[in-house]
Structures are given as structure tokens and as C-alpha cells.
Amino acid sequence: AMHEVGHTLGLRHNFKASTWLPLERVLEKPGETRAIGGSVMDYNAFMFNEERANQGDYCMTTLGPYDLWAIEYGYRPMAEPFKSEEEMLKTITSRVAESGLEYATDEDTSFFSPDPLANRRDMGSDPLEYARYRVALVQKLRQNMQDWSVKEGESYSILRRRVDRLLSERASAARFVGPY
């Protein structure tokens, strides 16, 4: 819902926002509500911690720093301490190099994009680390899959769908390696 409201407020996708935090920070169990990416305007991957007891947020549950910054630029009313709108906007835009405000939109994620950090459905500051983590998670889930995936009396078509899903997940993770 936050993503779609962002569109109604004029925000575009931000496919570099997922690189804001290192993977270990994304995966850790927070003590409080926090953003796990720079923006809800990214298509962030759902995050699963191999250690279930340490499971953090599966997805973004609050706005990220980029969202707050972009909304401030577009909607902050002109007021003190600023003497003019131009001064206020210059002050806001002067923060462009801050961590969490990285930006890359739809056109930056094409197959031929020169930026390996602009991706859909990844997470963490290092796409290679994310790919390794995700492939290892798939490998772990594939172990004894027939035991945990299908209950006695259920159709093996359920197992087939789950195998297909894991193979798809592995292929998706592998695509982050190519740009490097």
C-alpha cells in the first residue's frame, strides 16, 4: 500500500534503494520498526533468515529514508527557517549524497544497464552476497524436500510446484552475477 501511495504522490520506482544496508543488517531481527531498504518504491525481495529464531522483517514495513526525502522535496511547505522556496529546495537537495538516498529507476534496470547495483527483487548492499545467500537458502530448502513439502496422501503435484518455485528462485538469484 505504501508503494502505491508513493506513486500517487508522484514517486517513481527506486531500484537502487535495496542497496542501502548490508545483508546482515537486513536479515537481523530488529528491536523496533525500521526500514530494511532505502525506499518502498523498490521491488525488494522477501527476506527469509535461515535461522528462524532470528527472523527479521520479511518486507518493508515502514518508509525508507529516500521516501521521506523525496516527499519532503515535493511537499514541504515553505516556512522558517528558510527565507525562500529556492533556499529550502537547495537545502533539501544538498543531501543527495547521503546514505539511503541512492536512486535508479526503471530505465536503469535493463539487461544492458551498466550499474550492477540497480536491480529488481534483490536486497543488501552487495548483490553478489545476496545471490550467494539466496542460492544457499534454496539448496538448504531442497534437502529432504519430499519429507517437509508433501504430506501423506497429498498429490506430488504440490512437490512439483515447490521444486519449480525453488528452481525459479535460484535462477533469479543467479542473474545478479552477470553484471560483475
C-alpha atoms as a PDB file:
ATOM      1  CA  ALA A   1       0.000   0.000   0.000  1.00  0.00           C
ATOM      2  CA  MET A   2       2.843   2.404   0.819  1.00  0.00           C
ATOM      3  CA  HIS A   3       4.379   1.710  -2.615  1.00  0.00           C
ATOM      4  CA  GLU A   4       1.150   2.548  -4.445  1.00  0.00           C
ATOM      5  CA  VAL A   5       0.545   5.678  -2.368  1.00  0.00           C
ATOM      6  CA  GLY A   6       4.092   6.690  -3.298  1.00  0.00           C
ATOM      7  CA  HIS A   7       3.063   6.514  -6.958  1.00  0.00           C
ATOM      8  CA  THR A   8       0.011   8.668  -6.296  1.00  0.00           C
ATOM      9  CA  LEU A   9       2.332  11.241  -4.689  1.00  0.00           C
ATOM     10  CA  GLY A  10       4.487  11.256  -7.822  1.00  0.00           C
ATOM     11  CA  LEU A  11       7.322   8.905  -6.839  1.00  0.00           C
ATOM     12  CA  ARG A  12       8.861   6.591  -9.416  1.00  0.00           C
ATOM     13  CA  HIS A  13      10.403   3.207  -8.732  1.00  0.00           C
ATOM     14  CA  ASN A  14      13.768   3.309  -6.993  1.00  0.00           C
ATOM     15  CA  PHE A  15      15.612   0.080  -7.809  1.00  0.00           C
ATOM     16  CA  LYS A  16      18.811   1.088  -6.066  1.00  0.00           C
ATOM     17  CA  ALA A  17      17.159   1.552  -2.663  1.00  0.00           C
ATOM     18  CA  SER A  18      17.691  -2.109  -1.775  1.00  0.00           C
ATOM     19  CA  THR A  19      21.464  -1.462  -1.594  1.00  0.00           C
ATOM     20  CA  TRP A  20      21.184   0.829   1.419  1.00  0.00           C
ATOM     21  CA  LEU A  21      22.025  -1.726   4.132  1.00  0.00           C
ATOM     22  CA  PRO A  22      24.392  -4.704   4.228  1.00  0.00           C
ATOM     23  CA  LEU A  23      22.661  -8.082   4.046  1.00  0.00           C
ATOM     24  CA  GLU A  24      23.402  -8.964   7.679  1.00  0.00           C
ATOM     25  CA  ARG A  25      21.559  -5.804   8.815  1.00  0.00           C
ATOM     26  CA  VAL A  26      18.590  -6.622   6.582  1.00  0.00           C
ATOM     27  CA  LEU A  27      18.355 -10.146   8.000  1.00  0.00           C
ATOM     28  CA  GLU A  28      18.719  -9.282  11.688  1.00  0.00           C
ATOM     29  CA  LYS A  29      15.750  -9.235  13.997  1.00  0.00           C
ATOM     30  CA  PRO A  30      15.040  -5.606  14.856  1.00  0.00           C
ATOM     31  CA  GLY A  31      14.208  -4.392  18.310  1.00  0.00           C
ATOM     32  CA  GLU A  32      11.891  -1.789  16.781  1.00  0.00           C
ATOM     33  CA  THR A  33      10.170  -0.962  13.497  1.00  0.00           C
ATOM     34  CA  ARG A  34      12.772   0.050  10.944  1.00  0.00           C
ATOM     35  CA  ALA A  35      13.245   0.229   7.201  1.00  0.00           C
ATOM     36  CA  ILE A  36      15.220  -2.648   5.667  1.00  0.00           C
ATOM     37  CA  GLY A  37      15.644  -0.747   2.390  1.00  0.00           C
ATOM     38  CA  GLY A  38      16.047   2.835   1.310  1.00  0.00           C
ATOM     39  CA  SER A  39      12.579   3.030  -0.254  1.00  0.00           C
ATOM     40  CA  VAL A  40       9.211   1.307  -0.505  1.00  0.00           C
ATOM     41  CA  MET A  41       9.390   2.222  -4.208  1.00  0.00           C
ATOM     42  CA  ASP A  42      11.843  -0.644  -4.854  1.00  0.00           C
ATOM     43  CA  TYR A  43      10.683  -4.177  -5.642  1.00  0.00           C
ATOM     44  CA  ASN A  44      12.501  -5.669  -2.692  1.00  0.00           C
ATOM     45  CA  ALA A  45      12.893  -9.413  -2.316  1.00  0.00           C
ATOM     46  CA  PHE A  46      11.076 -11.079   0.557  1.00  0.00           C
ATOM     47  CA  MET A  47      13.739 -11.900   3.108  1.00  0.00           C
ATOM     48  CA  PHE A  48      13.945 -15.213   4.921  1.00  0.00           C
ATOM     49  CA  ASN A  49      16.538 -15.816   7.611  1.00  0.00           C
ATOM     50  CA  GLU A  50      17.907 -19.361   7.689  1.00  0.00           C
ATOM     51  CA  GLU A  51      17.843 -19.041  11.470  1.00  0.00           C
ATOM     52  CA  ARG A  52      14.099 -18.783  12.105  1.00  0.00           C
ATOM     53  CA  ALA A  53      14.618 -17.608  15.690  1.00  0.00           C
ATOM     54  CA  ASN A  54      16.414 -14.544  14.290  1.00  0.00           C
ATOM     55  CA  GLN A  55      13.864 -13.766  11.553  1.00  0.00           C
ATOM     56  CA  GLY A  56      13.568 -10.044  10.957  1.00  0.00           C
ATOM     57  CA  ASP A  57      11.030  -8.305   8.781  1.00  0.00           C
ATOM     58  CA  TYR A  58      10.114 -10.229   5.637  1.00  0.00           C
ATOM     59  CA  CYS A  59       9.490  -6.986   3.758  1.00  0.00           C
ATOM     60  CA  MET A  60       9.405  -3.214   4.165  1.00  0.00           C
ATOM     61  CA  THR A  61       7.020  -2.240   6.953  1.00  0.00           C
ATOM     62  CA  THR A  62       7.789   1.477   7.033  1.00  0.00           C
ATOM     63  CA  LEU A  63       9.011   4.244   4.763  1.00  0.00           C
ATOM     64  CA  GLY A  64      12.707   4.418   3.963  1.00  0.00           C
ATOM     65  CA  PRO A  65      14.999   7.460   4.029  1.00  0.00           C
ATOM     66  CA  TYR A  66      14.636   8.048   0.262  1.00  0.00           C
ATOM     67  CA  ASP A  67      10.829   8.150   0.562  1.00  0.00           C
ATOM     68  CA  LEU A  68      10.927  10.722   3.356  1.00  0.00           C
ATOM     69  CA  TRP A  69      13.475  12.833   1.480  1.00  0.00           C
ATOM     70  CA  ALA A  70      11.553  12.777  -1.832  1.00  0.00           C
ATOM     71  CA  ILE A  71       8.264  13.632  -0.111  1.00  0.00           C
ATOM     72  CA  GLU A  72       9.959  16.459   1.778  1.00  0.00           C
ATOM     73  CA  TYR A  73      11.213  17.888  -1.527  1.00  0.00           C
ATOM     74  CA  GLY A  74       7.822  17.673  -3.200  1.00  0.00           C
ATOM     75  CA  TYR A  75       5.501  18.608  -0.355  1.00  0.00           C
ATOM     76  CA  ARG A  76       7.257  20.507   2.410  1.00  0.00           C
ATOM     77  CA  PRO A  77       5.585  23.886   2.845  1.00  0.00           C
ATOM     78  CA  MET A  78       7.821  26.927   2.679  1.00  0.00           C
ATOM     79  CA  ALA A  79       8.382  28.126   6.221  1.00  0.00           C
ATOM     80  CA  GLU A  80      11.022  29.191   8.731  1.00  0.00           C
ATOM     81  CA  PRO A  81      13.980  28.904   8.914  1.00  0.00           C
ATOM     82  CA  PHE A  82      14.016  29.383   5.127  1.00  0.00           C
ATOM     83  CA  LYS A  83      13.601  32.793   3.511  1.00  0.00           C
ATOM     84  CA  SER A  84      12.556  31.440   0.098  1.00  0.00           C
ATOM     85  CA  GLU A  85      11.384  28.275  -1.606  1.00  0.00           C
ATOM     86  CA  GLU A  86      14.621  28.196  -3.616  1.00  0.00           C
ATOM     87  CA  GLU A  87      16.693  28.214  -0.411  1.00  0.00           C
ATOM     88  CA  MET A  88      14.567  25.442   1.085  1.00  0.00           C
ATOM     89  CA  LEU A  89      14.829  23.218  -2.016  1.00  0.00           C
ATOM     90  CA  LYS A  90      18.600  23.772  -2.274  1.00  0.00           C
ATOM     91  CA  THR A  91      18.962  22.707   1.354  1.00  0.00           C
ATOM     92  CA  ILE A  92      16.894  19.574   0.771  1.00  0.00           C
ATOM     93  CA  THR A  93      18.736  18.627  -2.444  1.00  0.00           C
ATOM     94  CA  SER A  94      22.133  19.220  -0.825  1.00  0.00           C
ATOM     95  CA  ARG A  95      21.612  15.898   0.977  1.00  0.00           C
ATOM     96  CA  VAL A  96      21.684  13.922  -2.313  1.00  0.00           C
ATOM     97  CA  ALA A  97      24.899  12.015  -1.456  1.00  0.00           C
ATOM     98  CA  GLU A  98      23.670  10.756   1.941  1.00  0.00           C
ATOM     99  CA  SER A  99      23.414   7.024   2.547  1.00  0.00           C
ATOM    100  CA  GLY A 100      19.899   5.737   1.927  1.00  0.00           C
ATOM    101  CA  LEU A 101      19.117   8.279  -0.795  1.00  0.00           C
ATOM    102  CA  GLU A 102      20.587   6.292  -3.710  1.00  0.00           C
ATOM    103  CA  TYR A 103      18.329   6.250  -6.777  1.00  0.00           C
ATOM    104  CA  ALA A 104      17.895   4.308 -10.007  1.00  0.00           C
ATOM    105  CA  THR A 105      14.581   3.894 -11.795  1.00  0.00           C
ATOM    106  CA  ASP A 106      13.015   1.538 -14.370  1.00  0.00           C
ATOM    107  CA  GLU A 107      15.270   2.529 -17.264  1.00  0.00           C
ATOM    108  CA  ASP A 108      18.336   1.774 -15.135  1.00  0.00           C
ATOM    109  CA  THR A 109      17.439  -1.913 -14.710  1.00  0.00           C
ATOM    110  CA  SER A 110      17.511  -3.051 -18.320  1.00  0.00           C
ATOM    111  CA  PHE A 111      19.540  -6.096 -19.327  1.00  0.00           C
ATOM    112  CA  PHE A 112      22.276  -3.759 -20.602  1.00  0.00           C
ATOM    113  CA  SER A 113      22.356  -1.469 -17.569  1.00  0.00           C
ATOM    114  CA  PRO A 114      25.918  -0.521 -16.636  1.00  0.00           C
ATOM    115  CA  ASP A 115      25.071  -0.339 -12.905  1.00  0.00           C
ATOM    116  CA  PRO A 116      25.145  -3.745 -11.177  1.00  0.00           C
ATOM    117  CA  LEU A 117      23.520  -2.199  -8.079  1.00  0.00           C
ATOM    118  CA  ALA A 118      20.287  -1.263  -9.905  1.00  0.00           C
ATOM    119  CA  ASN A 119      18.164  -4.432  -9.654  1.00  0.00           C
ATOM    120  CA  ARG A 120      14.642  -5.604  -9.053  1.00  0.00           C
ATOM    121  CA  ARG A 121      13.958  -8.173  -6.309  1.00  0.00           C
ATOM    122  CA  ASP A 122      17.352  -8.103  -4.601  1.00  0.00           C
ATOM    123  CA  MET A 123      18.359  -6.926  -1.155  1.00  0.00           C
ATOM    124  CA  GLY A 124      21.516  -5.736   0.553  1.00  0.00           C
ATOM    125  CA  SER A 125      24.447  -3.568  -0.402  1.00  0.00           C
ATOM    126  CA  ASP A 126      26.247  -6.385  -2.265  1.00  0.00           C
ATOM    127  CA  PRO A 127      24.198  -8.167  -4.964  1.00  0.00           C
ATOM    128  CA  LEU A 128      26.800 -10.962  -5.158  1.00  0.00           C
ATOM    129  CA  GLU A 129      26.480 -11.641  -1.437  1.00  0.00           C
ATOM    130  CA  TYR A 130      22.687 -11.631  -1.820  1.00  0.00           C
ATOM    131  CA  ALA A 131      22.905 -14.110  -4.732  1.00  0.00           C
ATOM    132  CA  ARG A 132      25.163 -16.450  -2.719  1.00  0.00           C
ATOM    133  CA  TYR A 133      22.828 -16.229   0.283  1.00  0.00           C
ATOM    134  CA  ARG A 134      19.728 -16.916  -1.772  1.00  0.00           C
ATOM    135  CA  VAL A 135      21.272 -19.871  -3.663  1.00  0.00           C
ATOM    136  CA  ALA A 136      22.450 -21.368  -0.341  1.00  0.00           C
ATOM    137  CA  LEU A 137      18.943 -20.921   1.086  1.00  0.00           C
ATOM    138  CA  VAL A 138      17.455 -22.718  -1.938  1.00  0.00           C
ATOM    139  CA  GLN A 139      19.976 -25.558  -1.548  1.00  0.00           C
ATOM    140  CA  LYS A 140      19.065 -25.913   2.128  1.00  0.00           C
ATOM    141  CA  LEU A 141      15.336 -25.991   1.332  1.00  0.00           C
ATOM    142  CA  ARG A 142      15.860 -28.650  -1.351  1.00  0.00           C
ATOM    143  CA  GLN A 143      17.358 -31.065   1.201  1.00  0.00           C
ATOM    144  CA  ASN A 144      14.755 -33.665   2.171  1.00  0.00           C
ATOM    145  CA  MET A 145      12.166 -31.594   0.365  1.00  0.00           C
ATOM    146  CA  GLN A 146       9.875 -34.546  -0.192  1.00  0.00           C
ATOM    147  CA  ASP A 147       9.668 -35.026   3.598  1.00  0.00           C
ATOM    148  CA  TRP A 148       8.591 -31.497   4.520  1.00  0.00           C
ATOM    149  CA  SER A 149       6.829 -30.448   1.331  1.00  0.00           C
ATOM    150  CA  VAL A 150       4.193 -33.131   0.795  1.00  0.00           C
ATOM    151  CA  LYS A 151       2.067 -34.746   3.467  1.00  0.00           C
ATOM    152  CA  GLU A 152       0.988 -38.335   3.192  1.00  0.00           C
ATOM    153  CA  GLY A 153      -1.940 -38.646   0.800  1.00  0.00           C
ATOM    154  CA  GLU A 154      -1.287 -35.335  -0.958  1.00  0.00           C
ATOM    155  CA  SER A 155      -0.599 -35.130  -4.670  1.00  0.00           C
ATOM    156  CA  TYR A 156       3.000 -34.936  -5.798  1.00  0.00           C
ATOM    157  CA  SER A 157       1.931 -32.023  -7.999  1.00  0.00           C
ATOM    158  CA  ILE A 158       2.406 -29.939  -4.824  1.00  0.00           C
ATOM    159  CA  LEU A 159       6.021 -31.095  -4.658  1.00  0.00           C
ATOM    160  CA  ARG A 160       6.467 -30.315  -8.343  1.00  0.00           C
ATOM    161  CA  ARG A 161       5.217 -26.742  -7.878  1.00  0.00           C
ATOM    162  CA  ARG A 162       7.553 -26.233  -4.942  1.00  0.00           C
ATOM    163  CA  VAL A 163      10.533 -27.634  -6.850  1.00  0.00           C
ATOM    164  CA  ASP A 164       9.702 -25.313  -9.759  1.00  0.00           C
ATOM    165  CA  ARG A 165       9.469 -22.350  -7.367  1.00  0.00           C
ATOM    166  CA  LEU A 166      12.862 -23.097  -5.824  1.00  0.00           C
ATOM    167  CA  LEU A 167      14.476 -23.535  -9.245  1.00  0.00           C
ATOM    168  CA  SER A 168      12.972 -20.213 -10.308  1.00  0.00           C
ATOM    169  CA  GLU A 169      14.296 -18.563  -7.150  1.00  0.00           C
ATOM    170  CA  ARG A 170      17.783 -19.939  -7.812  1.00  0.00           C
ATOM    171  CA  ALA A 171      17.715 -18.677 -11.412  1.00  0.00           C
ATOM    172  CA  SER A 172      16.560 -15.247 -10.234  1.00  0.00           C
ATOM    173  CA  ALA A 173      19.432 -15.016  -7.764  1.00  0.00           C
ATOM    174  CA  ALA A 174      21.959 -16.071 -10.425  1.00  0.00           C
ATOM    175  CA  ARG A 175      21.041 -13.132 -12.689  1.00  0.00           C
ATOM    176  CA  PHE A 176      22.703 -10.697 -10.270  1.00  0.00           C
ATOM    177  CA  VAL A 177      26.089 -12.271 -11.006  1.00  0.00           C
ATOM    178  CA  GLY A 178      26.208 -11.455 -14.740  1.00  0.00           C
ATOM    179  CA  PRO A 179      26.863  -7.704 -14.497  1.00  0.00           C
ATOM    180  CA  TYR A 180      30.009  -8.407 -12.498  1.00  0.00           C
END
